PDB file of N, CA and C in Angstrom:
ATOM      1  N   MET A   1     -29.100  68.238  29.050  1.00  0.00           N
ATOM      2  CA  MET A   1     -27.902  68.281  28.279  1.00  0.00           C
ATOM      3  C   MET A   1     -26.665  68.224  29.147  1.00  0.00           C
ATOM      4  N   LYS A   2     -26.769  68.883  30.286  1.00  0.00           N
ATOM      5  CA  LYS A   2     -25.631  68.924  31.170  1.00  0.00           C
ATOM      6  C   LYS A   2     -25.281  67.525  31.656  1.00  0.00           C
ATOM      7  N   GLY A   3     -26.254  66.717  31.993  1.00  0.00           N
ATOM      8  CA  GLY A   3     -26.041  65.353  32.457  1.00  0.00           C
ATOM      9  C   GLY A   3     -25.436  64.475  31.374  1.00  0.00           C
ATOM     10  N   GLN A   4     -25.893  64.669  30.147  1.00  0.00           N
ATOM     11  CA  GLN A   4     -25.377  63.869  29.041  1.00  0.00           C
ATOM     12  C   GLN A   4     -23.919  64.233  28.752  1.00  0.00           C
ATOM     13  N   SER A   5     -23.585  65.497  28.817  1.00  0.00           N
ATOM     14  CA  SER A   5     -22.217  65.950  28.589  1.00  0.00           C
ATOM     15  C   SER A   5     -21.289  65.402  29.663  1.00  0.00           C
ATOM     16  N   ARG A   6     -21.807  65.347  30.881  1.00  0.00           N
ATOM     17  CA  ARG A   6     -21.014  64.816  31.991  1.00  0.00           C
ATOM     18  C   ARG A   6     -20.726  63.331  31.769  1.00  0.00           C
ATOM     19  N   ARG A   7     -21.755  62.569  31.331  1.00  0.00           N
ATOM     20  CA  ARG A   7     -21.565  61.148  31.042  1.00  0.00           C
ATOM     21  C   ARG A   7     -20.560  60.943  29.911  1.00  0.00           C
ATOM     22  N   GLN A   8     -20.617  61.800  28.908  1.00  0.00           N
ATOM     23  CA  GLN A   8     -19.671  61.696  27.800  1.00  0.00           C
ATOM     24  C   GLN A   8     -18.243  61.950  28.286  1.00  0.00           C
ATOM     25  N   ASN A   9     -18.088  62.931  29.181  1.00  0.00           N
ATOM     26  CA  ASN A   9     -16.765  63.225  29.734  1.00  0.00           C
ATOM     27  C   ASN A   9     -16.244  62.045  30.546  1.00  0.00           C
ATOM     28  N   ILE A  10     -17.130  61.443  31.368  1.00  0.00           N
ATOM     29  CA  ILE A  10     -16.733  60.285  32.174  1.00  0.00           C
ATOM     30  C   ILE A  10     -16.367  59.126  31.257  1.00  0.00           C
ATOM     31  N   SER A  11     -17.166  58.911  30.222  1.00  0.00           N
ATOM     32  CA  SER A  11     -16.900  57.835  29.278  1.00  0.00           C
ATOM     33  C   SER A  11     -15.567  58.068  28.566  1.00  0.00           C
ATOM     34  N   LYS A  12     -15.284  59.323  28.199  1.00  0.00           N
ATOM     35  CA  LYS A  12     -14.018  59.644  27.535  1.00  0.00           C
ATOM     36  C   LYS A  12     -12.849  59.411  28.484  1.00  0.00           C
ATOM     37  N   VAL A  13     -12.982  59.769  29.741  1.00  0.00           N
ATOM     38  CA  VAL A  13     -11.926  59.557  30.734  1.00  0.00           C
ATOM     39  C   VAL A  13     -11.687  58.057  30.912  1.00  0.00           C
ATOM     40  N   GLN A  14     -12.765  57.271  30.971  1.00  0.00           N
ATOM     41  CA  GLN A  14     -12.620  55.825  31.111  1.00  0.00           C
ATOM     42  C   GLN A  14     -11.912  55.224  29.889  1.00  0.00           C
ATOM     43  N   LYS A  15     -12.286  55.672  28.690  1.00  0.00           N
ATOM     44  CA  LYS A  15     -11.639  55.175  27.477  1.00  0.00           C
ATOM     45  C   LYS A  15     -10.154  55.537  27.472  1.00  0.00           C
ATOM     46  N   ASP A  16      -9.850  56.777  27.866  1.00  0.00           N
ATOM     47  CA  ASP A  16      -8.450  57.207  27.922  1.00  0.00           C
ATOM     48  C   ASP A  16      -7.678  56.380  28.940  1.00  0.00           C
ATOM     49  N   SER A  17      -8.325  56.067  30.063  1.00  0.00           N
ATOM     50  CA  SER A  17      -7.681  55.274  31.106  1.00  0.00           C
ATOM     51  C   SER A  17      -7.394  53.859  30.608  1.00  0.00           C
ATOM     52  N   VAL A  18      -8.357  53.256  29.920  1.00  0.00           N
ATOM     53  CA  VAL A  18      -8.176  51.917  29.361  1.00  0.00           C
ATOM     54  C   VAL A  18      -7.072  51.944  28.302  1.00  0.00           C
ATOM     55  N   PHE A  19      -7.075  52.980  27.467  1.00  0.00           N
ATOM     56  CA  PHE A  19      -6.046  53.105  26.430  1.00  0.00           C
ATOM     57  C   PHE A  19      -4.659  53.241  27.060  1.00  0.00           C
ATOM     58  N   SER A  20      -4.537  54.063  28.094  1.00  0.00           N
ATOM     59  CA  SER A  20      -3.222  54.255  28.715  1.00  0.00           C
ATOM     60  C   SER A  20      -2.774  52.982  29.436  1.00  0.00           C
ATOM     61  N   ARG A  21      -3.688  52.215  30.016  1.00  0.00           N
ATOM     62  CA  ARG A  21      -3.324  50.934  30.641  1.00  0.00           C
ATOM     63  C   ARG A  21      -2.838  49.947  29.586  1.00  0.00           C
ATOM     64  N   ARG A  22      -3.552  49.877  28.474  1.00  0.00           N
ATOM     65  CA  ARG A  22      -3.145  48.977  27.392  1.00  0.00           C
ATOM     66  C   ARG A  22      -1.776  49.384  26.836  1.00  0.00           C
ATOM     67  N   THR A  23      -1.567  50.668  26.695  1.00  0.00           N
ATOM     68  CA  THR A  23      -0.275  51.156  26.209  1.00  0.00           C
ATOM     69  C   THR A  23       0.829  50.784  27.188  1.00  0.00           C
ATOM     70  N   ALA A  24       0.578  50.956  28.469  1.00  0.00           N
ATOM     71  CA  ALA A  24       1.575  50.621  29.488  1.00  0.00           C
ATOM     72  C   ALA A  24       1.886  49.125  29.468  1.00  0.00           C
ATOM     73  N   VAL A  25       0.869  48.296  29.325  1.00  0.00           N
ATOM     74  CA  VAL A  25       1.070  46.846  29.270  1.00  0.00           C
ATOM     75  C   VAL A  25       1.872  46.479  28.021  1.00  0.00           C
ATOM     76  N   ALA A  26       1.562  47.098  26.897  1.00  0.00           N
ATOM     77  CA  ALA A  26       2.288  46.815  25.656  1.00  0.00           C
ATOM     78  C   ALA A  26       3.756  47.221  25.780  1.00  0.00           C
ATOM     79  N   VAL A  27       4.015  48.396  26.346  1.00  0.00           N
ATOM     80  CA  VAL A  27       5.394  48.858  26.536  1.00  0.00           C
ATOM     81  C   VAL A  27       6.133  47.917  27.476  1.00  0.00           C
ATOM     82  N   LEU A  28       5.485  47.515  28.553  1.00  0.00           N
ATOM     83  CA  LEU A  28       6.096  46.587  29.504  1.00  0.00           C
ATOM     84  C   LEU A  28       6.409  45.248  28.834  1.00  0.00           C
ATOM     85  N   ALA A  29       5.496  44.759  28.021  1.00  0.00           N
ATOM     86  CA  ALA A  29       5.719  43.492  27.317  1.00  0.00           C
ATOM     87  C   ALA A  29       6.918  43.598  26.373  1.00  0.00           C
ATOM     88  N   VAL A  30       7.018  44.695  25.646  1.00  0.00           N
ATOM     89  CA  VAL A  30       8.154  44.899  24.740  1.00  0.00           C
ATOM     90  C   VAL A  30       9.456  44.952  25.532  1.00  0.00           C
ATOM     91  N   LEU A  31       9.462  45.654  26.657  1.00  0.00           N
ATOM     92  CA  LEU A  31      10.662  45.733  27.497  1.00  0.00           C
ATOM     93  C   LEU A  31      11.057  44.361  28.030  1.00  0.00           C
ATOM     94  N   LEU A  32      10.090  43.570  28.459  1.00  0.00           N
ATOM     95  CA  LEU A  32      10.387  42.225  28.954  1.00  0.00           C
ATOM     96  C   LEU A  32      10.953  41.338  27.849  1.00  0.00           C
ATOM     97  N   ILE A  33      10.393  41.435  26.669  1.00  0.00           N
ATOM     98  CA  ILE A  33      10.903  40.652  25.538  1.00  0.00           C
ATOM     99  C   ILE A  33      12.335  41.064  25.213  1.00  0.00           C
ATOM    100  N   CYS A  34      12.595  42.370  25.201  1.00  0.00           N
ATOM    101  CA  CYS A  34      13.959  42.856  24.940  1.00  0.00           C
ATOM    102  C   CYS A  34      14.921  42.364  26.016  1.00  0.00           C
ATOM    103  N   ALA A  35      14.505  42.422  27.275  1.00  0.00           N
ATOM    104  CA  ALA A  35      15.355  41.949  28.373  1.00  0.00           C
ATOM    105  C   ALA A  35      15.626  40.454  28.230  1.00  0.00           C
ATOM    106  N   PHE A  36      14.619  39.695  27.854  1.00  0.00           N
ATOM    107  CA  PHE A  36      14.787  38.251  27.667  1.00  0.00           C
ATOM    108  C   PHE A  36      15.826  37.959  26.594  1.00  0.00           C
ATOM    109  N   PHE A  37      15.701  38.604  25.428  1.00  0.00           N
ATOM    110  CA  PHE A  37      16.645  38.339  24.342  1.00  0.00           C
ATOM    111  C   PHE A  37      18.048  38.842  24.665  1.00  0.00           C
ATOM    112  N   THR A  38      18.145  39.943  25.383  1.00  0.00           N
ATOM    113  CA  THR A  38      19.457  40.427  25.810  1.00  0.00           C
ATOM    114  C   THR A  38      20.108  39.411  26.732  1.00  0.00           C
ATOM    115  N   GLY A  39      19.342  38.876  27.666  1.00  0.00           N
ATOM    116  CA  GLY A  39      19.861  37.850  28.574  1.00  0.00           C
ATOM    117  C   GLY A  39      20.288  36.599  27.831  1.00  0.00           C
ATOM    118  N   MET A  40      19.498  36.178  26.863  1.00  0.00           N
ATOM    119  CA  MET A  40      19.845  34.991  26.085  1.00  0.00           C
ATOM    120  C   MET A  40      21.136  35.216  25.292  1.00  0.00           C
ATOM    121  N   ASN A  41      21.292  36.412  24.730  1.00  0.00           N
ATOM    122  CA  ASN A  41      22.526  36.723  23.998  1.00  0.00           C
ATOM    123  C   ASN A  41      23.736  36.696  24.919  1.00  0.00           C
ATOM    124  N   LEU A  42      23.582  37.218  26.128  1.00  0.00           N
ATOM    125  CA  LEU A  42      24.688  37.196  27.087  1.00  0.00           C
ATOM    126  C   LEU A  42      25.058  35.769  27.448  1.00  0.00           C
ATOM    127  N   LEU A  43      24.058  34.936  27.713  1.00  0.00           N
ATOM    128  CA  LEU A  43      24.331  33.541  28.046  1.00  0.00           C
ATOM    129  C   LEU A  43      24.995  32.821  26.881  1.00  0.00           C
ATOM    130  N   HIS A  44      24.520  33.087  25.682  1.00  0.00           N
ATOM    131  CA  HIS A  44      25.086  32.436  24.497  1.00  0.00           C
ATOM    132  C   HIS A  44      26.541  32.852  24.290  1.00  0.00           C
ATOM    133  N   SER A  45      26.835  34.133  24.456  1.00  0.00           N
ATOM    134  CA  SER A  45      28.214  34.585  24.251  1.00  0.00           C
ATOM    135  C   SER A  45      29.133  34.036  25.333  1.00  0.00           C
ATOM    136  N   GLN A  46      28.648  33.895  26.562  1.00  0.00           N
ATOM    137  CA  GLN A  46      29.455  33.300  27.624  1.00  0.00           C
ATOM    138  C   GLN A  46      29.697  31.827  27.342  1.00  0.00           C
ATOM    139  N   ALA A  47      28.699  31.138  26.821  1.00  0.00           N
ATOM    140  CA  ALA A  47      28.854  29.718  26.497  1.00  0.00           C
ATOM    141  C   ALA A  47      29.873  29.540  25.378  1.00  0.00           C
ATOM    142  N   GLN A  48      29.882  30.444  24.415  1.00  0.00           N
ATOM    143  CA  GLN A  48      30.846  30.347  23.325  1.00  0.00           C
ATOM    144  C   GLN A  48      32.266  30.557  23.830  1.00  0.00           C
ATOM    145  N   GLU A  49      32.441  31.428  24.823  1.00  0.00           N
ATOM    146  CA  GLU A  49      33.770  31.664  25.377  1.00  0.00           C
ATOM    147  C   GLU A  49      34.296  30.429  26.087  1.00  0.00           C
ATOM    148  N   LYS A  50      33.404  29.617  26.637  1.00  0.00           N
ATOM    149  CA  LYS A  50      33.807  28.433  27.384  1.00  0.00           C
ATOM    150  C   LYS A  50      34.082  27.232  26.484  1.00  0.00           C
ATOM    151  N   THR A  51      33.711  27.313  25.221  1.00  0.00           N
ATOM    152  CA  THR A  51      33.940  26.179  24.335  1.00  0.00           C
ATOM    153  C   THR A  51      35.421  26.046  24.037  1.00  0.00           C
ATOM    154  N   SER A  52      35.790  24.863  23.662  1.00  0.00           N
ATOM    155  CA  SER A  52      37.189  24.545  23.403  1.00  0.00           C
ATOM    156  C   SER A  52      37.732  25.349  22.226  1.00  0.00           C
ATOM    157  N   PRO A  53      38.959  25.849  22.364  1.00  0.00           N
ATOM    158  CA  PRO A  53      39.579  26.555  21.239  1.00  0.00           C
ATOM    159  C   PRO A  53      40.150  25.583  20.207  1.00  0.00           C
ATOM    160  N   TYR A  54      40.004  24.289  20.474  1.00  0.00           N
ATOM    161  CA  TYR A  54      40.549  23.276  19.581  1.00  0.00           C
ATOM    162  C   TYR A  54      39.590  22.995  18.435  1.00  0.00           C
ATOM    163  N   HIS A  55      40.161  22.671  17.290  1.00  0.00           N
ATOM    164  CA  HIS A  55      39.384  22.349  16.099  1.00  0.00           C
ATOM    165  C   HIS A  55      39.553  20.865  15.795  1.00  0.00           C
ATOM    166  N   LYS A  56      38.465  20.222  15.380  1.00  0.00           N
ATOM    167  CA  LYS A  56      38.488  18.786  15.101  1.00  0.00           C
ATOM    168  C   LYS A  56      38.850  18.550  13.640  1.00  0.00           C
ATOM    169  N   TYR A  57      39.788  17.632  13.433  1.00  0.00           N
ATOM    170  CA  TYR A  57      40.229  17.279  12.091  1.00  0.00           C
ATOM    171  C   TYR A  57      40.246  15.768  11.929  1.00  0.00           C
ATOM    172  N   TYR A  58      40.175  15.324  10.696  1.00  0.00           N
ATOM    173  CA  TYR A  58      40.250  13.903  10.368  1.00  0.00           C
ATOM    174  C   TYR A  58      41.465  13.684   9.475  1.00  0.00           C
ATOM    175  N   THR A  59      42.097  12.542   9.646  1.00  0.00           N
ATOM    176  CA  THR A  59      43.213  12.171   8.784  1.00  0.00           C
ATOM    177  C   THR A  59      43.248  10.656   8.645  1.00  0.00           C
ATOM    178  N   SER A  60      43.956  10.210   7.647  1.00  0.00           N
ATOM    179  CA  SER A  60      44.130   8.779   7.424  1.00  0.00           C
ATOM    180  C   SER A  60      45.568   8.429   7.786  1.00  0.00           C
ATOM    181  N   ILE A  61      45.737   7.396   8.596  1.00  0.00           N
ATOM    182  CA  ILE A  61      47.082   6.978   8.993  1.00  0.00           C
ATOM    183  C   ILE A  61      47.328   5.552   8.521  1.00  0.00           C
ATOM    184  N   ARG A  62      48.587   5.246   8.269  1.00  0.00           N
ATOM    185  CA  ARG A  62      48.951   3.878   7.897  1.00  0.00           C
ATOM    186  C   ARG A  62      49.286   3.128   9.177  1.00  0.00           C
ATOM    187  N   ILE A  63      48.662   1.989   9.357  1.00  0.00           N
ATOM    188  CA  ILE A  63      48.871   1.184  10.559  1.00  0.00           C
ATOM    189  C   ILE A  63      50.261   0.558  10.487  1.00  0.00           C
ATOM    190  N   GLN A  64      51.031   0.759  11.551  1.00  0.00           N
ATOM    191  CA  GLN A  64      52.393   0.229  11.637  1.00  0.00           C
ATOM    192  C   GLN A  64      52.389  -1.100  12.391  1.00  0.00           C
ATOM    193  N   GLU A  65      53.436  -1.867  12.203  1.00  0.00           N
ATOM    194  CA  GLU A  65      53.615  -3.125  12.938  1.00  0.00           C
ATOM    195  C   GLU A  65      53.612  -2.806  14.433  1.00  0.00           C
ATOM    196  N   GLY A  66      52.828  -3.543  15.194  1.00  0.00           N
ATOM    197  CA  GLY A  66      52.749  -3.346  16.640  1.00  0.00           C
ATOM    198  C   GLY A  66      51.660  -2.377  17.081  1.00  0.00           C
ATOM    199  N   ASP A  67      51.033  -1.661  16.142  1.00  0.00           N
ATOM    200  CA  ASP A  67      49.930  -0.753  16.483  1.00  0.00           C
ATOM    201  C   ASP A  67      48.694  -1.551  16.865  1.00  0.00           C
ATOM    202  N   SER A  68      47.926  -0.993  17.760  1.00  0.00           N
ATOM    203  CA  SER A  68      46.607  -1.537  18.097  1.00  0.00           C
ATOM    204  C   SER A  68      45.633  -0.367  18.113  1.00  0.00           C
ATOM    205  N   LEU A  69      44.351  -0.664  18.058  1.00  0.00           N
ATOM    206  CA  LEU A  69      43.369   0.423  18.156  1.00  0.00           C
ATOM    207  C   LEU A  69      43.565   1.199  19.446  1.00  0.00           C
ATOM    208  N   TRP A  70      43.917   0.485  20.496  1.00  0.00           N
ATOM    209  CA  TRP A  70      44.075   1.113  21.800  1.00  0.00           C
ATOM    210  C   TRP A  70      45.287   2.036  21.839  1.00  0.00           C
ATOM    211  N   SER A  71      46.394   1.627  21.227  1.00  0.00           N
ATOM    212  CA  SER A  71      47.582   2.496  21.224  1.00  0.00           C
ATOM    213  C   SER A  71      47.354   3.715  20.328  1.00  0.00           C
ATOM    214  N   ILE A  72      46.663   3.507  19.219  1.00  0.00           N
ATOM    215  CA  ILE A  72      46.341   4.628  18.325  1.00  0.00           C
ATOM    216  C   ILE A  72      45.387   5.589  19.028  1.00  0.00           C
ATOM    217  N   ALA A  73      44.377   5.041  19.697  1.00  0.00           N
ATOM    218  CA  ALA A  73      43.424   5.873  20.434  1.00  0.00           C
ATOM    219  C   ALA A  73      44.141   6.683  21.504  1.00  0.00           C
ATOM    220  N   GLU A  74      45.056   6.059  22.192  1.00  0.00           N
ATOM    221  CA  GLU A  74      45.816   6.741  23.245  1.00  0.00           C
ATOM    222  C   GLU A  74      46.594   7.923  22.659  1.00  0.00           C
ATOM    223  N   SER A  75      47.132   7.754  21.466  1.00  0.00           N
ATOM    224  CA  SER A  75      47.919   8.812  20.823  1.00  0.00           C
ATOM    225  C   SER A  75      47.060   9.961  20.297  1.00  0.00           C
ATOM    226  N   TYR A  76      45.880   9.654  19.778  1.00  0.00           N
ATOM    227  CA  TYR A  76      45.082  10.669  19.083  1.00  0.00           C
ATOM    228  C   TYR A  76      43.941  11.267  19.908  1.00  0.00           C
ATOM    229  N   LYS A  77      43.634  10.723  21.060  1.00  0.00           N
ATOM    230  CA  LYS A  77      42.467  11.195  21.824  1.00  0.00           C
ATOM    231  C   LYS A  77      42.712  12.511  22.554  1.00  0.00           C
ATOM    232  N   THR A  78      43.946  12.995  22.557  1.00  0.00           N
ATOM    233  CA  THR A  78      44.301  14.217  23.272  1.00  0.00           C
ATOM    234  C   THR A  78      43.332  15.351  22.937  1.00  0.00           C
ATOM    235  N   HIS A  79      42.857  16.023  23.950  1.00  0.00           N
ATOM    236  CA  HIS A  79      41.939  17.168  23.864  1.00  0.00           C
ATOM    237  C   HIS A  79      40.549  16.794  23.353  1.00  0.00           C
ATOM    238  N   SER A  80      40.250  15.502  23.240  1.00  0.00           N
ATOM    239  CA  SER A  80      38.918  15.104  22.775  1.00  0.00           C
ATOM    240  C   SER A  80      37.922  15.057  23.926  1.00  0.00           C
ATOM    241  N   GLY A  81      38.444  14.946  25.148  1.00  0.00           N
ATOM    242  CA  GLY A  81      37.562  14.819  26.301  1.00  0.00           C
ATOM    243  C   GLY A  81      36.990  13.421  26.439  1.00  0.00           C
ATOM    244  N   LYS A  82      37.507  12.487  25.677  1.00  0.00           N
ATOM    245  CA  LYS A  82      36.999  11.111  25.708  1.00  0.00           C
ATOM    246  C   LYS A  82      38.025  10.186  26.336  1.00  0.00           C
ATOM    247  N   SER A  83      37.509   9.118  26.896  1.00  0.00           N
ATOM    248  CA  SER A  83      38.396   8.082  27.419  1.00  0.00           C
ATOM    249  C   SER A  83      38.948   7.293  26.234  1.00  0.00           C
ATOM    250  N   THR A  84      39.969   6.495  26.505  1.00  0.00           N
ATOM    251  CA  THR A  84      40.540   5.660  25.445  1.00  0.00           C
ATOM    252  C   THR A  84      39.488   4.699  24.906  1.00  0.00           C
ATOM    253  N   ALA A  85      38.684   4.120  25.797  1.00  0.00           N
ATOM    254  CA  ALA A  85      37.634   3.183  25.367  1.00  0.00           C
ATOM    255  C   ALA A  85      36.613   3.878  24.461  1.00  0.00           C
ATOM    256  N   GLU A  86      36.226   5.103  24.796  1.00  0.00           N
ATOM    257  CA  GLU A  86      35.273   5.842  23.960  1.00  0.00           C
ATOM    258  C   GLU A  86      35.881   6.157  22.591  1.00  0.00           C
ATOM    259  N   TYR A  87      37.150   6.516  22.593  1.00  0.00           N
ATOM    260  CA  TYR A  87      37.820   6.823  21.329  1.00  0.00           C
ATOM    261  C   TYR A  87      37.932   5.566  20.461  1.00  0.00           C
ATOM    262  N   VAL A  88      38.261   4.427  21.077  1.00  0.00           N
ATOM    263  CA  VAL A  88      38.319   3.157  20.339  1.00  0.00           C
ATOM    264  C   VAL A  88      36.952   2.858  19.725  1.00  0.00           C
ATOM    265  N   HIS A  89      35.899   3.070  20.494  1.00  0.00           N
ATOM    266  CA  HIS A  89      34.533   2.865  19.988  1.00  0.00           C
ATOM    267  C   HIS A  89      34.292   3.741  18.755  1.00  0.00           C
ATOM    268  N   ASP A  90      34.701   5.014  18.834  1.00  0.00           N
ATOM    269  CA  ASP A  90      34.547   5.923  17.695  1.00  0.00           C
ATOM    270  C   ASP A  90      35.338   5.428  16.484  1.00  0.00           C
ATOM    271  N   LEU A  91      36.578   4.984  16.720  1.00  0.00           N
ATOM    272  CA  LEU A  91      37.406   4.468  15.618  1.00  0.00           C
ATOM    273  C   LEU A  91      36.738   3.275  14.942  1.00  0.00           C
ATOM    274  N   ARG A  92      36.199   2.386  15.754  1.00  0.00           N
ATOM    275  CA  ARG A  92      35.532   1.205  15.189  1.00  0.00           C
ATOM    276  C   ARG A  92      34.341   1.621  14.331  1.00  0.00           C
ATOM    277  N   GLN A  93      33.557   2.577  14.816  1.00  0.00           N
ATOM    278  CA  GLN A  93      32.395   3.038  14.051  1.00  0.00           C
ATOM    279  C   GLN A  93      32.822   3.735  12.761  1.00  0.00           C
ATOM    280  N   MET A  94      33.783   4.654  12.865  1.00  0.00           N
ATOM    281  CA  MET A  94      34.218   5.420  11.690  1.00  0.00           C
ATOM    282  C   MET A  94      34.811   4.531  10.609  1.00  0.00           C
ATOM    283  N   ASN A  95      35.471   3.470  11.026  1.00  0.00           N
ATOM    284  CA  ASN A  95      36.180   2.612  10.081  1.00  0.00           C
ATOM    285  C   ASN A  95      35.458   1.296   9.797  1.00  0.00           C
ATOM    286  N   SER A  96      34.217   1.190  10.260  1.00  0.00           N
ATOM    287  CA  SER A  96      33.381  -0.003  10.040  1.00  0.00           C
ATOM    288  C   SER A  96      34.081  -1.286  10.471  1.00  0.00           C
ATOM    289  N   LEU A  97      34.667  -1.248  11.662  1.00  0.00           N
ATOM    290  CA  LEU A  97      35.353  -2.425  12.202  1.00  0.00           C
ATOM    291  C   LEU A  97      34.411  -3.172  13.136  1.00  0.00           C
ATOM    292  N   SER A  98      34.355  -4.484  13.004  1.00  0.00           N
ATOM    293  CA  SER A  98      33.474  -5.276  13.868  1.00  0.00           C
ATOM    294  C   SER A  98      34.151  -5.623  15.193  1.00  0.00           C
ATOM    295  N   ASP A  99      35.487  -5.548  15.229  1.00  0.00           N
ATOM    296  CA  ASP A  99      36.213  -5.788  16.482  1.00  0.00           C
ATOM    297  C   ASP A  99      37.481  -4.931  16.478  1.00  0.00           C
ATOM    298  N   ASP A 100      38.363  -5.173  17.433  1.00  0.00           N
ATOM    299  CA  ASP A 100      39.563  -4.347  17.586  1.00  0.00           C
ATOM    300  C   ASP A 100      40.724  -4.781  16.691  1.00  0.00           C
ATOM    301  N   THR A 101      40.518  -5.757  15.840  1.00  0.00           N
ATOM    302  CA  THR A 101      41.598  -6.288  15.010  1.00  0.00           C
ATOM    303  C   THR A 101      41.936  -5.331  13.868  1.00  0.00           C
ATOM    304  N   ILE A 102      43.216  -4.941  13.791  1.00  0.00           N
ATOM    305  CA  ILE A 102      43.711  -4.142  12.671  1.00  0.00           C
ATOM    306  C   ILE A 102      45.004  -4.782  12.164  1.00  0.00           C
ATOM    307  N   HIS A 103      45.399  -4.472  10.945  1.00  0.00           N
ATOM    308  CA  HIS A 103      46.568  -5.102  10.332  1.00  0.00           C
ATOM    309  C   HIS A 103      47.539  -4.046   9.820  1.00  0.00           C
ATOM    310  N   ALA A 104      48.817  -4.288  10.075  1.00  0.00           N
ATOM    311  CA  ALA A 104      49.868  -3.386   9.597  1.00  0.00           C
ATOM    312  C   ALA A 104      49.766  -3.239   8.084  1.00  0.00           C
ATOM    313  N   GLY A 105      49.966  -2.014   7.625  1.00  0.00           N
ATOM    314  CA  GLY A 105      49.890  -1.734   6.189  1.00  0.00           C
ATOM    315  C   GLY A 105      48.545  -1.194   5.750  1.00  0.00           C
ATOM    316  N   ASN A 106      47.494  -1.472   6.505  1.00  0.00           N
ATOM    317  CA  ASN A 106      46.172  -0.925   6.189  1.00  0.00           C
ATOM    318  C   ASN A 106      46.098   0.524   6.673  1.00  0.00           C
ATOM    319  N   TYR A 107      45.058   1.203   6.225  1.00  0.00           N
ATOM    320  CA  TYR A 107      44.862   2.596   6.631  1.00  0.00           C
ATOM    321  C   TYR A 107      43.660   2.702   7.556  1.00  0.00           C
ATOM    322  N   LEU A 108      43.731   3.697   8.423  1.00  0.00           N
ATOM    323  CA  LEU A 108      42.687   3.912   9.420  1.00  0.00           C
ATOM    324  C   LEU A 108      42.380   5.406   9.461  1.00  0.00           C
ATOM    325  N   THR A 109      41.111   5.757   9.469  1.00  0.00           N
ATOM    326  CA  THR A 109      40.725   7.156   9.633  1.00  0.00           C
ATOM    327  C   THR A 109      40.644   7.456  11.119  1.00  0.00           C
ATOM    328  N   VAL A 110      41.302   8.537  11.525  1.00  0.00           N
ATOM    329  CA  VAL A 110      41.286   8.964  12.923  1.00  0.00           C
ATOM    330  C   VAL A 110      40.909  10.439  12.964  1.00  0.00           C
ATOM    331  N   TYR A 111      40.467  10.885  14.120  1.00  0.00           N
ATOM    332  CA  TYR A 111      40.253  12.317  14.306  1.00  0.00           C
ATOM    333  C   TYR A 111      41.158  12.794  15.421  1.00  0.00           C
ATOM    334  N   TYR A 112      41.476  14.065  15.361  1.00  0.00           N
ATOM    335  CA  TYR A 112      42.334  14.670  16.375  1.00  0.00           C
ATOM    336  C   TYR A 112      41.945  16.134  16.521  1.00  0.00           C
ATOM    337  N   TYR A 113      42.427  16.749  17.571  1.00  0.00           N
ATOM    338  CA  TYR A 113      42.129  18.149  17.841  1.00  0.00           C
ATOM    339  C   TYR A 113      43.417  18.955  17.802  1.00  0.00           C
ATOM    340  N   ASP A 114      43.313  20.164  17.249  1.00  0.00           N
ATOM    341  CA  ASP A 114      44.477  21.031  17.143  1.00  0.00           C
ATOM    342  C   ASP A 114      44.027  22.477  17.365  1.00  0.00           C
ATOM    343  N   LEU A 115      44.902  23.273  17.966  1.00  0.00           N
ATOM    344  CA  LEU A 115      44.602  24.688  18.173  1.00  0.00           C
ATOM    345  C   LEU A 115      44.612  25.457  16.854  1.00  0.00           C
ATOM    346  N   GLU A 116      45.452  25.027  15.954  1.00  0.00           N
ATOM    347  CA  GLU A 116      45.614  25.722  14.685  1.00  0.00           C
ATOM    348  C   GLU A 116      44.408  25.487  13.780  1.00  0.00           C
ATOM    349  N   LEU A 117      43.891  26.572  13.233  1.00  0.00           N
ATOM    350  CA  LEU A 117      42.792  26.473  12.274  1.00  0.00           C
ATOM    351  C   LEU A 117      43.398  26.228  10.903  1.00  0.00           C
ATOM    352  N   LYS A 118      43.061  25.111  10.312  1.00  0.00           N
ATOM    353  CA  LYS A 118      43.676  24.736   9.029  1.00  0.00           C
ATOM    354  C   LYS A 118      42.733  24.962   7.885  1.00  0.00           C
TER     355      LYS A 118
END
């Protein structure tokens, strides 16, 4: 009986040891997951701070005599981060233009950036 009781005690100690190792691994895993999400939140909030404070808006303008897509792009591209050529490309796409030809009196949709939230 004494030998059997000793084996039971050893078996119980081994089970307790396995249980405590599993518990430690589970706690460590939870801590790592929490640290990961905390880090991701910090990175996300820093990225949001670096984004432009400007808001993008669209408007329709009447084309005046002497206007070209390039002159309009030059006027409206401010704070867009785009070159004049890229802005002209956007204007052509937005307005379904096959080339740079525009006519006085027609309307053109343009986008612009402004600090003010409207």
